[in-house]
Amino acid sequence: MSYRCEICQKEPSFGKQVTFSHKRSSRRWNPNIQKVRVKHGSNTRKARVCTSCIRAGKVEKA
């Protein structure tokens, strides 16, 4: 299972970490993914959702 939000499909972005001497190394920025219990129809299930979707009210917690 990939590190991705099930609602907005947000996933890690990649770039370079630049030091003071301008050495460059790869790094990645991960979204803040949380496992929450979500109402899905009449029953509940666990979903991987980013915190921005939780705060925006795109998910109804159970």
PDB file of N, CA and C in Angstrom:
ATOM      1  N   MET A   1       0.846  -1.177   0.000  1.00  0.00           N
ATOM      2  CA  MET A   1       0.000   0.000   0.000  1.00  0.00           C
ATOM      3  C   MET A   1       0.892   1.241   0.000  1.00  0.00           C
ATOM      4  N   SER A   2       0.612   2.177  -0.888  1.00  0.00           N
ATOM      5  CA  SER A   2       1.445   3.352  -1.011  1.00  0.00           C
ATOM      6  C   SER A   2       1.108   4.391   0.055  1.00  0.00           C
ATOM      7  N   TYR A   3       2.004   5.316   0.256  1.00  0.00           N
ATOM      8  CA  TYR A   3       1.858   6.368   1.246  1.00  0.00           C
ATOM      9  C   TYR A   3       1.068   7.492   0.591  1.00  0.00           C
ATOM     10  N   ARG A   4      -0.267   7.360   0.559  1.00  0.00           N
ATOM     11  CA  ARG A   4      -1.109   8.284  -0.180  1.00  0.00           C
ATOM     12  C   ARG A   4      -2.437   8.481   0.543  1.00  0.00           C
ATOM     13  N   CYS A   5      -2.964   9.692   0.467  1.00  0.00           N
ATOM     14  CA  CYS A   5      -4.271   9.988   1.046  1.00  0.00           C
ATOM     15  C   CYS A   5      -5.351   9.372   0.164  1.00  0.00           C
ATOM     16  N   GLU A   6      -6.311   8.696   0.784  1.00  0.00           N
ATOM     17  CA  GLU A   6      -7.365   8.038   0.022  1.00  0.00           C
ATOM     18  C   GLU A   6      -8.418   9.024  -0.483  1.00  0.00           C
ATOM     19  N   ILE A   7      -8.431  10.250   0.037  1.00  0.00           N
ATOM     20  CA  ILE A   7      -9.433  11.236  -0.362  1.00  0.00           C
ATOM     21  C   ILE A   7      -8.906  12.132  -1.483  1.00  0.00           C
ATOM     22  N   CYS A   8      -7.781  12.800  -1.240  1.00  0.00           N
ATOM     23  CA  CYS A   8      -7.274  13.781  -2.209  1.00  0.00           C
ATOM     24  C   CYS A   8      -6.086  13.269  -3.021  1.00  0.00           C
ATOM     25  N   GLN A   9      -5.659  12.036  -2.780  1.00  0.00           N
ATOM     26  CA  GLN A   9      -4.552  11.406  -3.510  1.00  0.00           C
ATOM     27  C   GLN A   9      -3.228  12.143  -3.321  1.00  0.00           C
ATOM     28  N   LYS A  10      -3.088  12.844  -2.188  1.00  0.00           N
ATOM     29  CA  LYS A  10      -1.824  13.532  -1.894  1.00  0.00           C
ATOM     30  C   LYS A  10      -0.756  12.489  -1.587  1.00  0.00           C
ATOM     31  N   GLU A  11       0.433  12.655  -2.155  1.00  0.00           N
ATOM     32  CA  GLU A  11       1.515  11.699  -1.967  1.00  0.00           C
ATOM     33  C   GLU A  11       2.831  12.445  -1.784  1.00  0.00           C
ATOM     34  N   PRO A  12       3.920  11.753  -1.438  1.00  0.00           N
ATOM     35  CA  PRO A  12       5.180  12.447  -1.195  1.00  0.00           C
ATOM     36  C   PRO A  12       5.677  13.204  -2.421  1.00  0.00           C
ATOM     37  N   SER A  13       6.318  14.353  -2.166  1.00  0.00           N
ATOM     38  CA  SER A  13       6.969  15.097  -3.233  1.00  0.00           C
ATOM     39  C   SER A  13       8.469  15.032  -2.994  1.00  0.00           C
ATOM     40  N   PHE A  14       9.229  15.121  -4.064  1.00  0.00           N
ATOM     41  CA  PHE A  14      10.665  14.906  -4.004  1.00  0.00           C
ATOM     42  C   PHE A  14      11.406  16.164  -4.398  1.00  0.00           C
ATOM     43  N   GLY A  15      12.604  16.309  -3.850  1.00  0.00           N
ATOM     44  CA  GLY A  15      13.423  17.467  -4.162  1.00  0.00           C
ATOM     45  C   GLY A  15      14.834  17.259  -3.655  1.00  0.00           C
ATOM     46  N   LYS A  16      15.563  18.349  -3.500  1.00  0.00           N
ATOM     47  CA  LYS A  16      16.943  18.291  -3.045  1.00  0.00           C
ATOM     48  C   LYS A  16      17.097  19.042  -1.728  1.00  0.00           C
ATOM     49  N   GLN A  17      17.919  18.465  -0.858  1.00  0.00           N
ATOM     50  CA  GLN A  17      18.312  19.139   0.369  1.00  0.00           C
ATOM     51  C   GLN A  17      19.630  19.830   0.063  1.00  0.00           C
ATOM     52  N   VAL A  18      19.691  21.144   0.285  1.00  0.00           N
ATOM     53  CA  VAL A  18      20.882  21.921  -0.056  1.00  0.00           C
ATOM     54  C   VAL A  18      21.534  22.411   1.229  1.00  0.00           C
ATOM     55  N   THR A  19      22.791  22.049   1.437  1.00  0.00           N
ATOM     56  CA  THR A  19      23.508  22.461   2.631  1.00  0.00           C
ATOM     57  C   THR A  19      24.072  23.870   2.456  1.00  0.00           C
ATOM     58  N   PHE A  20      24.735  24.355   3.489  1.00  0.00           N
ATOM     59  CA  PHE A  20      25.355  25.679   3.444  1.00  0.00           C
ATOM     60  C   PHE A  20      26.411  25.751   2.354  1.00  0.00           C
ATOM     61  N   SER A  21      27.130  24.639   2.140  1.00  0.00           N
ATOM     62  CA  SER A  21      28.165  24.614   1.106  1.00  0.00           C
ATOM     63  C   SER A  21      27.606  24.176  -0.255  1.00  0.00           C
ATOM     64  N   HIS A  22      26.307  24.109  -0.375  1.00  0.00           N
ATOM     65  CA  HIS A  22      25.574  23.752  -1.594  1.00  0.00           C
ATOM     66  C   HIS A  22      25.824  22.334  -2.073  1.00  0.00           C
ATOM     67  N   LYS A  23      26.139  21.428  -1.136  1.00  0.00           N
ATOM     68  CA  LYS A  23      26.095  20.012  -1.475  1.00  0.00           C
ATOM     69  C   LYS A  23      24.629  19.647  -1.588  1.00  0.00           C
ATOM     70  N   ARG A  24      24.299  18.804  -2.543  1.00  0.00           N
ATOM     71  CA  ARG A  24      22.902  18.445  -2.750  1.00  0.00           C
ATOM     72  C   ARG A  24      22.699  16.964  -2.530  1.00  0.00           C
ATOM     73  N   SER A  25      21.640  16.634  -1.806  1.00  0.00           N
ATOM     74  CA  SER A  25      21.260  15.246  -1.609  1.00  0.00           C
ATOM     75  C   SER A  25      19.739  15.156  -1.717  1.00  0.00           C
ATOM     76  N   SER A  26      19.261  14.012  -2.131  1.00  0.00           N
ATOM     77  CA  SER A  26      17.826  13.840  -2.342  1.00  0.00           C
ATOM     78  C   SER A  26      17.083  13.757  -1.013  1.00  0.00           C
ATOM     79  N   ARG A  27      15.874  14.255  -1.012  1.00  0.00           N
ATOM     80  CA  ARG A  27      15.006  14.138   0.154  1.00  0.00           C
ATOM     81  C   ARG A  27      13.571  14.090  -0.322  1.00  0.00           C
ATOM     82  N   ARG A  28      12.656  13.753   0.595  1.00  0.00           N
ATOM     83  CA  ARG A  28      11.251  13.745   0.235  1.00  0.00           C
ATOM     84  C   ARG A  28      10.416  14.352   1.342  1.00  0.00           C
ATOM     85  N   TRP A  29       9.333  15.021   0.937  1.00  0.00           N
ATOM     86  CA  TRP A  29       8.396  15.635   1.862  1.00  0.00           C
ATOM     87  C   TRP A  29       7.170  14.744   1.907  1.00  0.00           C
ATOM     88  N   ASN A  30       6.893  14.171   3.090  1.00  0.00           N
ATOM     89  CA  ASN A  30       5.750  13.280   3.240  1.00  0.00           C
ATOM     90  C   ASN A  30       4.533  14.052   3.732  1.00  0.00           C
ATOM     91  N   PRO A  31       3.353  13.744   3.205  1.00  0.00           N
ATOM     92  CA  PRO A  31       2.141  14.332   3.771  1.00  0.00           C
ATOM     93  C   PRO A  31       1.845  13.701   5.126  1.00  0.00           C
ATOM     94  N   ASN A  32       1.128  14.412   5.963  1.00  0.00           N
ATOM     95  CA  ASN A  32       0.798  13.920   7.303  1.00  0.00           C
ATOM     96  C   ASN A  32      -0.400  12.979   7.195  1.00  0.00           C
ATOM     97  N   ILE A  33      -0.130  11.687   7.032  1.00  0.00           N
ATOM     98  CA  ILE A  33      -1.161  10.679   6.839  1.00  0.00           C
ATOM     99  C   ILE A  33      -1.511  10.047   8.180  1.00  0.00           C
ATOM    100  N   GLN A  34      -2.814   9.967   8.480  1.00  0.00           N
ATOM    101  CA  GLN A  34      -3.302   9.343   9.705  1.00  0.00           C
ATOM    102  C   GLN A  34      -4.279   8.232   9.337  1.00  0.00           C
ATOM    103  N   LYS A  35      -4.273   7.154  10.140  1.00  0.00           N
ATOM    104  CA  LYS A  35      -5.281   6.116   9.969  1.00  0.00           C
ATOM    105  C   LYS A  35      -6.460   6.474  10.862  1.00  0.00           C
ATOM    106  N   VAL A  36      -7.625   6.693  10.258  1.00  0.00           N
ATOM    107  CA  VAL A  36      -8.811   7.060  11.017  1.00  0.00           C
ATOM    108  C   VAL A  36      -9.963   6.129  10.654  1.00  0.00           C
ATOM    109  N   ARG A  37     -10.889   5.966  11.608  1.00  0.00           N
ATOM    110  CA  ARG A  37     -12.100   5.193  11.334  1.00  0.00           C
ATOM    111  C   ARG A  37     -13.090   6.115  10.652  1.00  0.00           C
ATOM    112  N   VAL A  38     -13.574   5.697   9.500  1.00  0.00           N
ATOM    113  CA  VAL A  38     -14.403   6.538   8.651  1.00  0.00           C
ATOM    114  C   VAL A  38     -15.748   5.856   8.428  1.00  0.00           C
ATOM    115  N   LYS A  39     -16.819   6.642   8.441  1.00  0.00           N
ATOM    116  CA  LYS A  39     -18.127   6.096   8.085  1.00  0.00           C
ATOM    117  C   LYS A  39     -18.162   5.872   6.583  1.00  0.00           C
ATOM    118  N   HIS A  40     -18.489   4.652   6.192  1.00  0.00           N
ATOM    119  CA  HIS A  40     -18.543   4.288   4.779  1.00  0.00           C
ATOM    120  C   HIS A  40     -19.888   3.623   4.533  1.00  0.00           C
ATOM    121  N   GLY A  41     -20.883   4.437   4.166  1.00  0.00           N
ATOM    122  CA  GLY A  41     -22.237   3.915   4.045  1.00  0.00           C
ATOM    123  C   GLY A  41     -22.822   3.674   5.423  1.00  0.00           C
ATOM    124  N   SER A  42     -23.293   2.446   5.674  1.00  0.00           N
ATOM    125  CA  SER A  42     -23.871   2.129   6.979  1.00  0.00           C
ATOM    126  C   SER A  42     -22.850   1.539   7.944  1.00  0.00           C
ATOM    127  N   ASN A  43     -21.681   1.153   7.450  1.00  0.00           N
ATOM    128  CA  ASN A  43     -20.657   0.583   8.325  1.00  0.00           C
ATOM    129  C   ASN A  43     -19.421   1.480   8.370  1.00  0.00           C
ATOM    130  N   THR A  44     -18.423   1.081   9.159  1.00  0.00           N
ATOM    131  CA  THR A  44     -17.202   1.867   9.294  1.00  0.00           C
ATOM    132  C   THR A  44     -16.011   1.068   8.789  1.00  0.00           C
ATOM    133  N   ARG A  45     -14.972   1.787   8.404  1.00  0.00           N
ATOM    134  CA  ARG A  45     -13.733   1.155   7.990  1.00  0.00           C
ATOM    135  C   ARG A  45     -12.576   2.099   8.285  1.00  0.00           C
ATOM    136  N   LYS A  46     -11.358   1.569   8.302  1.00  0.00           N
ATOM    137  CA  LYS A  46     -10.180   2.401   8.510  1.00  0.00           C
ATOM    138  C   LYS A  46      -9.680   2.913   7.170  1.00  0.00           C
ATOM    139  N   ALA A  47      -9.266   4.162   7.158  1.00  0.00           N
ATOM    140  CA  ALA A  47      -8.768   4.777   5.933  1.00  0.00           C
ATOM    141  C   ALA A  47      -7.530   5.589   6.262  1.00  0.00           C
ATOM    142  N   ARG A  48      -6.639   5.707   5.280  1.00  0.00           N
ATOM    143  CA  ARG A  48      -5.454   6.554   5.416  1.00  0.00           C
ATOM    144  C   ARG A  48      -5.776   7.906   4.805  1.00  0.00           C
ATOM    145  N   VAL A  49      -5.865   8.922   5.675  1.00  0.00           N
ATOM    146  CA  VAL A  49      -6.315  10.246   5.262  1.00  0.00           C
ATOM    147  C   VAL A  49      -5.320  11.280   5.750  1.00  0.00           C
ATOM    148  N   CYS A  50      -5.047  12.304   4.929  1.00  0.00           N
ATOM    149  CA  CYS A  50      -4.144  13.367   5.366  1.00  0.00           C
ATOM    150  C   CYS A  50      -4.882  14.310   6.308  1.00  0.00           C
ATOM    151  N   THR A  51      -4.135  15.004   7.138  1.00  0.00           N
ATOM    152  CA  THR A  51      -4.737  15.858   8.150  1.00  0.00           C
ATOM    153  C   THR A  51      -5.458  17.052   7.544  1.00  0.00           C
ATOM    154  N   SER A  52      -5.054  17.504   6.365  1.00  0.00           N
ATOM    155  CA  SER A  52      -5.758  18.625   5.739  1.00  0.00           C
ATOM    156  C   SER A  52      -7.167  18.221   5.321  1.00  0.00           C
ATOM    157  N   CYS A  53      -7.357  16.966   4.910  1.00  0.00           N
ATOM    158  CA  CYS A  53      -8.710  16.479   4.579  1.00  0.00           C
ATOM    159  C   CYS A  53      -9.547  16.295   5.834  1.00  0.00           C
ATOM    160  N   ILE A  54      -8.918  15.865   6.926  1.00  0.00           N
ATOM    161  CA  ILE A  54      -9.650  15.702   8.186  1.00  0.00           C
ATOM    162  C   ILE A  54     -10.135  17.061   8.686  1.00  0.00           C
ATOM    163  N   ARG A  55      -9.263  18.064   8.662  1.00  0.00           N
ATOM    164  CA  ARG A  55      -9.626  19.402   9.134  1.00  0.00           C
ATOM    165  C   ARG A  55     -10.639  20.081   8.229  1.00  0.00           C
ATOM    166  N   ALA A  56     -10.595  19.779   6.930  1.00  0.00           N
ATOM    167  CA  ALA A  56     -11.532  20.393   5.986  1.00  0.00           C
ATOM    168  C   ALA A  56     -12.911  19.770   6.057  1.00  0.00           C
ATOM    169  N   GLY A  57     -13.043  18.657   6.781  1.00  0.00           N
ATOM    170  CA  GLY A  57     -14.337  18.017   6.933  1.00  0.00           C
ATOM    171  C   GLY A  57     -14.720  17.138   5.755  1.00  0.00           C
ATOM    172  N   LYS A  58     -13.743  16.724   4.954  1.00  0.00           N
ATOM    173  CA  LYS A  58     -14.022  15.859   3.813  1.00  0.00           C
ATOM    174  C   LYS A  58     -14.314  14.425   4.240  1.00  0.00           C
ATOM    175  N   VAL A  59     -14.007  14.104   5.503  1.00  0.00           N
ATOM    176  CA  VAL A  59     -14.203  12.760   6.029  1.00  0.00           C
ATOM    177  C   VAL A  59     -15.086  12.855   7.263  1.00  0.00           C
ATOM    178  N   GLU A  60     -16.025  11.949   7.391  1.00  0.00           N
ATOM    179  CA  GLU A  60     -16.861  11.894   8.595  1.00  0.00           C
ATOM    180  C   GLU A  60     -16.323  10.784   9.484  1.00  0.00           C
ATOM    181  N   LYS A  61     -15.772  11.182  10.645  1.00  0.00           N
ATOM    182  CA  LYS A  61     -15.203  10.191  11.563  1.00  0.00           C
ATOM    183  C   LYS A  61     -16.300   9.384  12.232  1.00  0.00           C
ATOM    184  N   ALA A  62     -15.951   8.140  12.545  1.00  0.00           N
ATOM    185  CA  ALA A  62     -16.905   7.252  13.228  1.00  0.00           C
ATOM    186  C   ALA A  62     -16.536   7.117  14.689  1.00  0.00           C
TER     187      ALA A  62
END
